[in-house]
Amino acid sequence: MWILIVSLIVLAVVAAVAGVIRNRRLRKQVESGELEAMPETVQVDSECCGQHEVCEKESLLAAVSKKIEYYDDEELDQYIGTPGDSYTAEQEEEFRDVFYTMQAEDVAGWVRSLQLRGIALPDNLKDEVFLVVGELRANPHKK
């Protein structure tokens, strides 16, 4: 157990020293004119960048993106504020029509869009949506 703790501490110290050395070298390059300025951190948009275990495009969380996209579903805006358990069969069918006409890789973005617009997915459709997104995550090469 102690070996693991000591190893982690040594690793942290080595990483800190490497970071300090890198920053010193970059500052020297800026001072000598080799670089114009220190490199900046770049913000990545909502597209998949390959740095995450699960691509953000496949995330169902609205916090991933604040951009609202419409998937030819403007008619669903009439359900803003409607709880997921209070849809009629006809209203659920409107959601199904949109859901079954889109490509599987667009489903996660559609769900995020609904969340950002304040539209709850009908409870009877949630299992089907999660199944499609889960299948896409489990088999990413079947897109």
N, C-alpha and C. Protein backbone atom coordinates (compact mmCIF):
# COMPACT_ATOMS: atom_id res chain seq x y z
N MET A 1 0.83 -1.19 0.00
CA MET A 1 0.00 0.00 0.00
C MET A 1 0.87 1.25 0.00
N TRP A 2 1.91 1.24 0.82
CA TRP A 2 2.81 2.40 0.90
C TRP A 2 3.54 2.61 -0.41
N ILE A 3 3.85 1.52 -1.08
CA ILE A 3 4.55 1.64 -2.36
C ILE A 3 3.67 2.38 -3.37
N LEU A 4 2.40 2.08 -3.38
CA LEU A 4 1.46 2.75 -4.27
C LEU A 4 1.37 4.24 -3.96
N ILE A 5 1.26 4.57 -2.71
CA ILE A 5 1.15 5.98 -2.31
C ILE A 5 2.43 6.74 -2.67
N VAL A 6 3.57 6.16 -2.36
CA VAL A 6 4.85 6.80 -2.68
C VAL A 6 4.99 6.94 -4.19
N SER A 7 4.58 5.93 -4.94
CA SER A 7 4.67 5.98 -6.41
C SER A 7 3.81 7.11 -6.97
N LEU A 8 2.60 7.27 -6.43
CA LEU A 8 1.72 8.35 -6.88
C LEU A 8 2.31 9.72 -6.56
N ILE A 9 2.91 9.86 -5.38
CA ILE A 9 3.52 11.12 -5.00
C ILE A 9 4.70 11.43 -5.92
N VAL A 10 5.54 10.43 -6.18
CA VAL A 10 6.68 10.62 -7.08
C VAL A 10 6.19 11.00 -8.48
N LEU A 11 5.16 10.35 -8.95
CA LEU A 11 4.61 10.66 -10.26
C LEU A 11 4.11 12.11 -10.31
N ALA A 12 3.43 12.54 -9.25
CA ALA A 12 2.93 13.92 -9.20
C ALA A 12 4.08 14.92 -9.21
N VAL A 13 5.14 14.63 -8.47
CA VAL A 13 6.29 15.53 -8.44
C VAL A 13 6.96 15.58 -9.82
N VAL A 14 7.13 14.43 -10.46
CA VAL A 14 7.73 14.40 -11.79
C VAL A 14 6.88 15.20 -12.79
N ALA A 15 5.56 15.06 -12.73
CA ALA A 15 4.67 15.80 -13.62
C ALA A 15 4.77 17.30 -13.37
N ALA A 16 4.84 17.70 -12.10
CA ALA A 16 4.95 19.12 -11.76
C ALA A 16 6.27 19.68 -12.27
N VAL A 17 7.35 18.96 -12.09
CA VAL A 17 8.67 19.40 -12.57
C VAL A 17 8.66 19.51 -14.10
N ALA A 18 8.09 18.54 -14.76
CA ALA A 18 8.01 18.58 -16.23
C ALA A 18 7.21 19.80 -16.70
N GLY A 19 6.14 20.13 -16.00
CA GLY A 19 5.33 21.30 -16.34
C GLY A 19 6.11 22.59 -16.16
N VAL A 20 6.86 22.68 -15.06
CA VAL A 20 7.67 23.88 -14.81
C VAL A 20 8.74 24.04 -15.88
N ILE A 21 9.41 22.93 -16.23
CA ILE A 21 10.45 22.98 -17.26
C ILE A 21 9.85 23.40 -18.60
N ARG A 22 8.71 22.86 -18.94
CA ARG A 22 8.04 23.21 -20.20
C ARG A 22 7.71 24.70 -20.24
N ASN A 23 7.15 25.22 -19.15
CA ASN A 23 6.80 26.63 -19.11
C ASN A 23 8.04 27.52 -19.21
N ARG A 24 9.13 27.14 -18.57
CA ARG A 24 10.38 27.92 -18.67
C ARG A 24 10.88 27.95 -20.11
N ARG A 25 10.85 26.80 -20.76
CA ARG A 25 11.31 26.73 -22.16
C ARG A 25 10.44 27.60 -23.06
N LEU A 26 9.13 27.54 -22.84
CA LEU A 26 8.23 28.36 -23.65
C LEU A 26 8.49 29.85 -23.41
N ARG A 27 8.70 30.24 -22.15
CA ARG A 27 9.00 31.65 -21.85
C ARG A 27 10.29 32.09 -22.52
N LYS A 28 11.31 31.23 -22.50
CA LYS A 28 12.58 31.56 -23.15
C LYS A 28 12.40 31.70 -24.66
N GLN A 29 11.55 30.83 -25.25
CA GLN A 29 11.29 30.93 -26.68
C GLN A 29 10.56 32.22 -27.02
N VAL A 30 9.66 32.66 -26.14
CA VAL A 30 8.96 33.91 -26.36
C VAL A 30 9.93 35.08 -26.24
N GLU A 31 10.79 35.04 -25.22
CA GLU A 31 11.76 36.12 -25.01
C GLU A 31 12.77 36.21 -26.15
N SER A 32 13.17 35.07 -26.70
CA SER A 32 14.16 35.08 -27.79
C SER A 32 13.52 35.36 -29.15
N GLY A 33 12.21 35.38 -29.21
CA GLY A 33 11.53 35.69 -30.45
C GLY A 33 11.16 34.49 -31.29
N GLU A 34 11.45 33.29 -30.81
CA GLU A 34 11.09 32.09 -31.55
C GLU A 34 9.57 31.91 -31.63
N LEU A 35 8.90 32.30 -30.54
CA LEU A 35 7.43 32.27 -30.49
C LEU A 35 6.93 33.69 -30.25
N GLU A 36 5.77 34.01 -30.81
CA GLU A 36 5.19 35.33 -30.61
C GLU A 36 4.57 35.47 -29.23
N ALA A 37 3.93 34.41 -28.76
CA ALA A 37 3.27 34.45 -27.46
C ALA A 37 3.17 33.03 -26.90
N MET A 38 2.84 32.95 -25.63
CA MET A 38 2.63 31.64 -25.00
C MET A 38 1.43 30.97 -25.64
N PRO A 39 1.49 29.66 -25.84
CA PRO A 39 0.33 28.95 -26.40
C PRO A 39 -0.88 29.08 -25.47
N GLU A 40 -2.05 29.21 -26.08
CA GLU A 40 -3.28 29.36 -25.33
C GLU A 40 -4.09 28.08 -25.36
N THR A 41 -4.92 27.93 -24.35
CA THR A 41 -5.84 26.80 -24.32
C THR A 41 -6.96 27.06 -25.31
N VAL A 42 -7.29 26.06 -26.11
CA VAL A 42 -8.31 26.20 -27.13
C VAL A 42 -9.59 25.54 -26.66
N GLN A 43 -10.72 26.25 -26.77
CA GLN A 43 -12.02 25.67 -26.44
C GLN A 43 -12.50 24.83 -27.61
N VAL A 44 -12.95 23.63 -27.33
CA VAL A 44 -13.46 22.73 -28.35
C VAL A 44 -14.97 22.90 -28.42
N ASP A 45 -15.50 22.94 -29.64
CA ASP A 45 -16.95 23.04 -29.77
C ASP A 45 -17.60 21.70 -29.44
N SER A 46 -18.88 21.59 -29.70
CA SER A 46 -19.61 20.39 -29.28
C SER A 46 -19.36 19.18 -30.17
N GLU A 47 -18.56 19.31 -31.21
CA GLU A 47 -18.26 18.16 -32.05
C GLU A 47 -17.34 17.20 -31.31
N CYS A 48 -17.30 15.99 -31.73
CA CYS A 48 -16.48 14.98 -31.09
C CYS A 48 -15.01 15.24 -31.38
N CYS A 49 -14.22 15.31 -30.31
CA CYS A 49 -12.81 15.63 -30.46
C CYS A 49 -11.92 14.41 -30.24
N GLY A 50 -12.48 13.30 -29.79
CA GLY A 50 -11.70 12.10 -29.59
C GLY A 50 -10.98 12.03 -28.25
N GLN A 51 -11.17 13.03 -27.40
CA GLN A 51 -10.48 13.06 -26.13
C GLN A 51 -11.33 12.53 -24.97
N HIS A 52 -12.52 12.10 -25.25
CA HIS A 52 -13.41 11.62 -24.20
C HIS A 52 -13.79 10.17 -24.46
N GLU A 53 -14.09 9.45 -23.39
CA GLU A 53 -14.48 8.06 -23.55
C GLU A 53 -15.77 7.95 -24.34
N VAL A 54 -16.71 8.85 -24.06
CA VAL A 54 -17.96 8.89 -24.78
C VAL A 54 -18.02 10.23 -25.50
N CYS A 55 -18.24 10.20 -26.78
CA CYS A 55 -18.27 11.42 -27.56
C CYS A 55 -19.39 12.33 -27.06
N GLU A 56 -19.10 13.62 -26.98
CA GLU A 56 -20.10 14.57 -26.51
C GLU A 56 -21.31 14.62 -27.44
N LYS A 57 -21.09 14.26 -28.72
CA LYS A 57 -22.21 14.24 -29.65
C LYS A 57 -23.24 13.20 -29.24
N GLU A 58 -22.80 12.17 -28.52
CA GLU A 58 -23.68 11.09 -28.12
C GLU A 58 -24.26 11.30 -26.73
N SER A 59 -23.94 12.41 -26.10
CA SER A 59 -24.41 12.68 -24.75
C SER A 59 -25.85 13.17 -24.78
N LEU A 60 -26.62 12.74 -23.80
CA LEU A 60 -28.00 13.18 -23.69
C LEU A 60 -28.13 14.40 -22.77
N LEU A 61 -27.03 14.84 -22.19
CA LEU A 61 -27.09 15.94 -21.25
C LEU A 61 -27.12 17.28 -21.96
N ALA A 62 -28.07 18.12 -21.58
CA ALA A 62 -28.19 19.44 -22.19
C ALA A 62 -27.01 20.32 -21.82
N ALA A 63 -26.30 20.01 -20.73
CA ALA A 63 -25.17 20.83 -20.31
C ALA A 63 -24.01 20.75 -21.29
N VAL A 64 -23.99 19.75 -22.14
CA VAL A 64 -22.91 19.59 -23.10
C VAL A 64 -22.92 20.73 -24.11
N SER A 65 -24.08 21.19 -24.50
CA SER A 65 -24.19 22.22 -25.51
C SER A 65 -25.35 23.14 -25.16
N LYS A 66 -25.20 24.41 -25.49
CA LYS A 66 -26.28 25.37 -25.28
C LYS A 66 -26.93 25.78 -26.59
N LYS A 67 -26.48 25.15 -27.68
CA LYS A 67 -27.00 25.48 -29.00
C LYS A 67 -28.23 24.62 -29.29
N ILE A 68 -29.33 25.28 -29.57
CA ILE A 68 -30.57 24.56 -29.89
C ILE A 68 -30.60 24.28 -31.38
N GLU A 69 -30.75 23.01 -31.72
CA GLU A 69 -30.89 22.61 -33.12
C GLU A 69 -32.28 22.02 -33.30
N TYR A 70 -32.87 22.33 -34.43
CA TYR A 70 -34.17 21.75 -34.75
C TYR A 70 -33.97 20.60 -35.73
N TYR A 71 -34.71 19.54 -35.52
CA TYR A 71 -34.63 18.34 -36.35
C TYR A 71 -35.95 18.17 -37.10
N ASP A 72 -36.37 19.20 -37.78
CA ASP A 72 -37.68 19.24 -38.45
C ASP A 72 -38.79 18.88 -37.46
N ASP A 73 -38.68 19.46 -36.26
CA ASP A 73 -39.63 19.14 -35.20
C ASP A 73 -40.18 20.40 -34.51
N GLU A 74 -40.28 21.48 -35.27
CA GLU A 74 -40.76 22.73 -34.69
C GLU A 74 -42.15 22.59 -34.08
N GLU A 75 -42.93 21.64 -34.61
CA GLU A 75 -44.30 21.44 -34.10
C GLU A 75 -44.32 20.95 -32.66
N LEU A 76 -43.19 20.41 -32.18
CA LEU A 76 -43.12 19.91 -30.80
C LEU A 76 -42.97 21.05 -29.79
N ASP A 77 -42.70 22.26 -30.26
CA ASP A 77 -42.57 23.40 -29.34
C ASP A 77 -43.88 23.68 -28.60
N GLN A 78 -44.98 23.21 -29.13
CA GLN A 78 -46.27 23.41 -28.44
C GLN A 78 -46.34 22.63 -27.11
N TYR A 79 -45.40 21.71 -26.89
CA TYR A 79 -45.40 20.90 -25.67
C TYR A 79 -44.40 21.39 -24.63
N ILE A 80 -43.90 22.59 -24.80
CA ILE A 80 -42.97 23.15 -23.80
C ILE A 80 -43.68 23.20 -22.46
N GLY A 81 -43.04 22.62 -21.45
CA GLY A 81 -43.60 22.62 -20.10
C GLY A 81 -44.53 21.46 -19.79
N THR A 82 -44.84 20.63 -20.77
CA THR A 82 -45.72 19.49 -20.54
C THR A 82 -44.93 18.36 -19.89
N PRO A 83 -45.41 17.83 -18.76
CA PRO A 83 -44.69 16.71 -18.12
C PRO A 83 -44.71 15.46 -19.00
N GLY A 84 -43.66 14.64 -18.89
CA GLY A 84 -43.51 13.46 -19.73
C GLY A 84 -44.60 12.41 -19.54
N ASP A 85 -45.29 12.44 -18.40
CA ASP A 85 -46.31 11.42 -18.14
C ASP A 85 -47.73 11.88 -18.47
N SER A 86 -47.87 13.05 -19.07
CA SER A 86 -49.22 13.54 -19.33
C SER A 86 -49.56 13.70 -20.81
N TYR A 87 -48.79 13.05 -21.68
CA TYR A 87 -49.09 13.11 -23.11
C TYR A 87 -50.19 12.13 -23.48
N THR A 88 -51.00 12.52 -24.45
CA THR A 88 -52.00 11.60 -24.98
C THR A 88 -51.33 10.70 -26.01
N ALA A 89 -52.03 9.68 -26.46
CA ALA A 89 -51.49 8.76 -27.46
C ALA A 89 -51.19 9.50 -28.77
N GLU A 90 -52.04 10.44 -29.15
CA GLU A 90 -51.82 11.20 -30.38
C GLU A 90 -50.57 12.09 -30.26
N GLN A 91 -50.38 12.69 -29.08
CA GLN A 91 -49.21 13.53 -28.87
C GLN A 91 -47.93 12.69 -28.88
N GLU A 92 -47.97 11.52 -28.26
CA GLU A 92 -46.82 10.62 -28.29
C GLU A 92 -46.49 10.22 -29.72
N GLU A 93 -47.51 10.06 -30.53
CA GLU A 93 -47.30 9.67 -31.93
C GLU A 93 -46.55 10.76 -32.69
N GLU A 94 -46.78 12.03 -32.35
CA GLU A 94 -46.03 13.13 -32.99
C GLU A 94 -44.54 13.00 -32.69
N PHE A 95 -44.21 12.68 -31.44
CA PHE A 95 -42.81 12.48 -31.07
C PHE A 95 -42.23 11.27 -31.79
N ARG A 96 -43.02 10.19 -31.87
CA ARG A 96 -42.55 8.97 -32.55
C ARG A 96 -42.28 9.23 -34.04
N ASP A 97 -43.14 10.04 -34.66
CA ASP A 97 -42.95 10.36 -36.08
C ASP A 97 -41.59 11.01 -36.31
N VAL A 98 -41.23 11.96 -35.43
CA VAL A 98 -39.93 12.62 -35.56
C VAL A 98 -38.81 11.63 -35.25
N PHE A 99 -38.97 10.88 -34.16
CA PHE A 99 -37.95 9.94 -33.71
C PHE A 99 -37.62 8.89 -34.76
N TYR A 100 -38.63 8.30 -35.36
CA TYR A 100 -38.40 7.21 -36.31
C TYR A 100 -38.00 7.68 -37.71
N THR A 101 -38.04 8.98 -37.96
CA THR A 101 -37.61 9.47 -39.27
C THR A 101 -36.19 10.02 -39.24
N MET A 102 -35.55 10.04 -38.08
CA MET A 102 -34.18 10.56 -38.01
C MET A 102 -33.17 9.43 -37.97
N GLN A 103 -31.94 9.77 -38.31
CA GLN A 103 -30.87 8.80 -38.27
C GLN A 103 -30.48 8.56 -36.82
N ALA A 104 -29.99 7.37 -36.53
CA ALA A 104 -29.67 6.98 -35.15
C ALA A 104 -28.67 7.91 -34.50
N GLU A 105 -27.68 8.38 -35.26
CA GLU A 105 -26.67 9.24 -34.65
C GLU A 105 -27.19 10.63 -34.31
N ASP A 106 -28.39 10.99 -34.78
CA ASP A 106 -28.98 12.29 -34.46
C ASP A 106 -29.86 12.25 -33.21
N VAL A 107 -30.13 11.07 -32.68
CA VAL A 107 -31.08 10.94 -31.56
C VAL A 107 -30.59 11.68 -30.32
N ALA A 108 -29.32 11.52 -29.95
CA ALA A 108 -28.81 12.18 -28.75
C ALA A 108 -28.90 13.69 -28.89
N GLY A 109 -28.56 14.22 -30.05
CA GLY A 109 -28.68 15.67 -30.28
C GLY A 109 -30.11 16.13 -30.21
N TRP A 110 -31.03 15.32 -30.70
CA TRP A 110 -32.45 15.66 -30.65
C TRP A 110 -32.93 15.73 -29.21
N VAL A 111 -32.54 14.76 -28.39
CA VAL A 111 -32.94 14.76 -26.98
C VAL A 111 -32.38 15.98 -26.26
N ARG A 112 -31.10 16.32 -26.54
CA ARG A 112 -30.51 17.54 -25.96
C ARG A 112 -31.30 18.77 -26.39
N SER A 113 -31.67 18.82 -27.67
CA SER A 113 -32.43 19.95 -28.19
C SER A 113 -33.77 20.08 -27.47
N LEU A 114 -34.44 18.95 -27.27
CA LEU A 114 -35.72 18.98 -26.54
C LEU A 114 -35.52 19.51 -25.13
N GLN A 115 -34.46 19.06 -24.44
CA GLN A 115 -34.20 19.53 -23.08
C GLN A 115 -33.95 21.03 -23.06
N LEU A 116 -33.15 21.51 -23.99
CA LEU A 116 -32.84 22.94 -24.03
C LEU A 116 -34.08 23.78 -24.33
N ARG A 117 -35.01 23.21 -25.06
CA ARG A 117 -36.24 23.91 -25.40
C ARG A 117 -37.31 23.75 -24.32
N GLY A 118 -37.05 22.96 -23.30
CA GLY A 118 -38.01 22.77 -22.21
C GLY A 118 -39.12 21.79 -22.55
N ILE A 119 -38.83 20.85 -23.45
CA ILE A 119 -39.82 19.87 -23.87
C ILE A 119 -39.45 18.52 -23.27
N ALA A 120 -40.36 17.95 -22.49
CA ALA A 120 -40.11 16.64 -21.89
C ALA A 120 -40.47 15.55 -22.90
N LEU A 121 -39.63 14.56 -22.98
CA LEU A 121 -39.89 13.41 -23.83
C LEU A 121 -41.01 12.58 -23.20
N PRO A 122 -41.97 12.08 -23.98
CA PRO A 122 -43.01 11.24 -23.40
C PRO A 122 -42.40 10.01 -22.72
N ASP A 123 -42.90 9.68 -21.55
CA ASP A 123 -42.37 8.55 -20.78
C ASP A 123 -42.39 7.25 -21.58
N ASN A 124 -43.42 7.06 -22.39
CA ASN A 124 -43.55 5.82 -23.15
C ASN A 124 -42.55 5.72 -24.30
N LEU A 125 -41.85 6.80 -24.61
CA LEU A 125 -40.87 6.80 -25.70
C LEU A 125 -39.44 6.76 -25.18
N LYS A 126 -39.25 7.04 -23.90
CA LYS A 126 -37.90 7.13 -23.33
C LYS A 126 -37.11 5.84 -23.47
N ASP A 127 -37.72 4.70 -23.21
CA ASP A 127 -36.99 3.44 -23.31
C ASP A 127 -36.47 3.20 -24.72
N GLU A 128 -37.28 3.52 -25.71
CA GLU A 128 -36.86 3.33 -27.10
C GLU A 128 -35.70 4.25 -27.44
N VAL A 129 -35.76 5.49 -26.98
CA VAL A 129 -34.69 6.46 -27.25
C VAL A 129 -33.40 6.01 -26.58
N PHE A 130 -33.47 5.61 -25.31
CA PHE A 130 -32.27 5.16 -24.61
C PHE A 130 -31.69 3.90 -25.23
N LEU A 131 -32.54 3.05 -25.76
CA LEU A 131 -32.08 1.84 -26.44
C LEU A 131 -31.26 2.19 -27.68
N VAL A 132 -31.75 3.13 -28.47
CA VAL A 132 -31.04 3.54 -29.69
C VAL A 132 -29.70 4.19 -29.34
N VAL A 133 -29.71 5.10 -28.35
CA VAL A 133 -28.46 5.78 -27.96
C VAL A 133 -27.49 4.77 -27.36
N GLY A 134 -27.98 3.87 -26.53
CA GLY A 134 -27.13 2.85 -25.94
C GLY A 134 -26.52 1.93 -26.98
N GLU A 135 -27.31 1.55 -27.97
CA GLU A 135 -26.81 0.70 -29.05
C GLU A 135 -25.74 1.42 -29.86
N LEU A 136 -25.94 2.70 -30.09
CA LEU A 136 -24.97 3.50 -30.84
C LEU A 136 -23.66 3.61 -30.07
N ARG A 137 -23.74 3.76 -28.75
CA ARG A 137 -22.53 3.83 -27.93
C ARG A 137 -21.83 2.48 -27.87
N ALA A 138 -22.58 1.40 -27.80
CA ALA A 138 -22.00 0.07 -27.69
C ALA A 138 -21.35 -0.36 -29.01
N ASN A 139 -21.91 0.07 -30.12
CA ASN A 139 -21.40 -0.28 -31.44
C ASN A 139 -21.16 0.98 -32.26
N PRO A 140 -20.13 1.76 -31.93
CA PRO A 140 -19.93 3.04 -32.61
C PRO A 140 -19.60 2.92 -34.10
N HIS A 141 -19.21 1.76 -34.57
CA HIS A 141 -18.84 1.60 -35.97
C HIS A 141 -20.03 1.27 -36.85
N LYS A 142 -21.22 1.11 -36.26
CA LYS A 142 -22.42 0.79 -37.04
C LYS A 142 -23.13 2.03 -37.54
N LYS A 143 -22.57 3.19 -37.31
CA LYS A 143 -23.21 4.44 -37.74
C LYS A 143 -23.41 4.39 -39.21
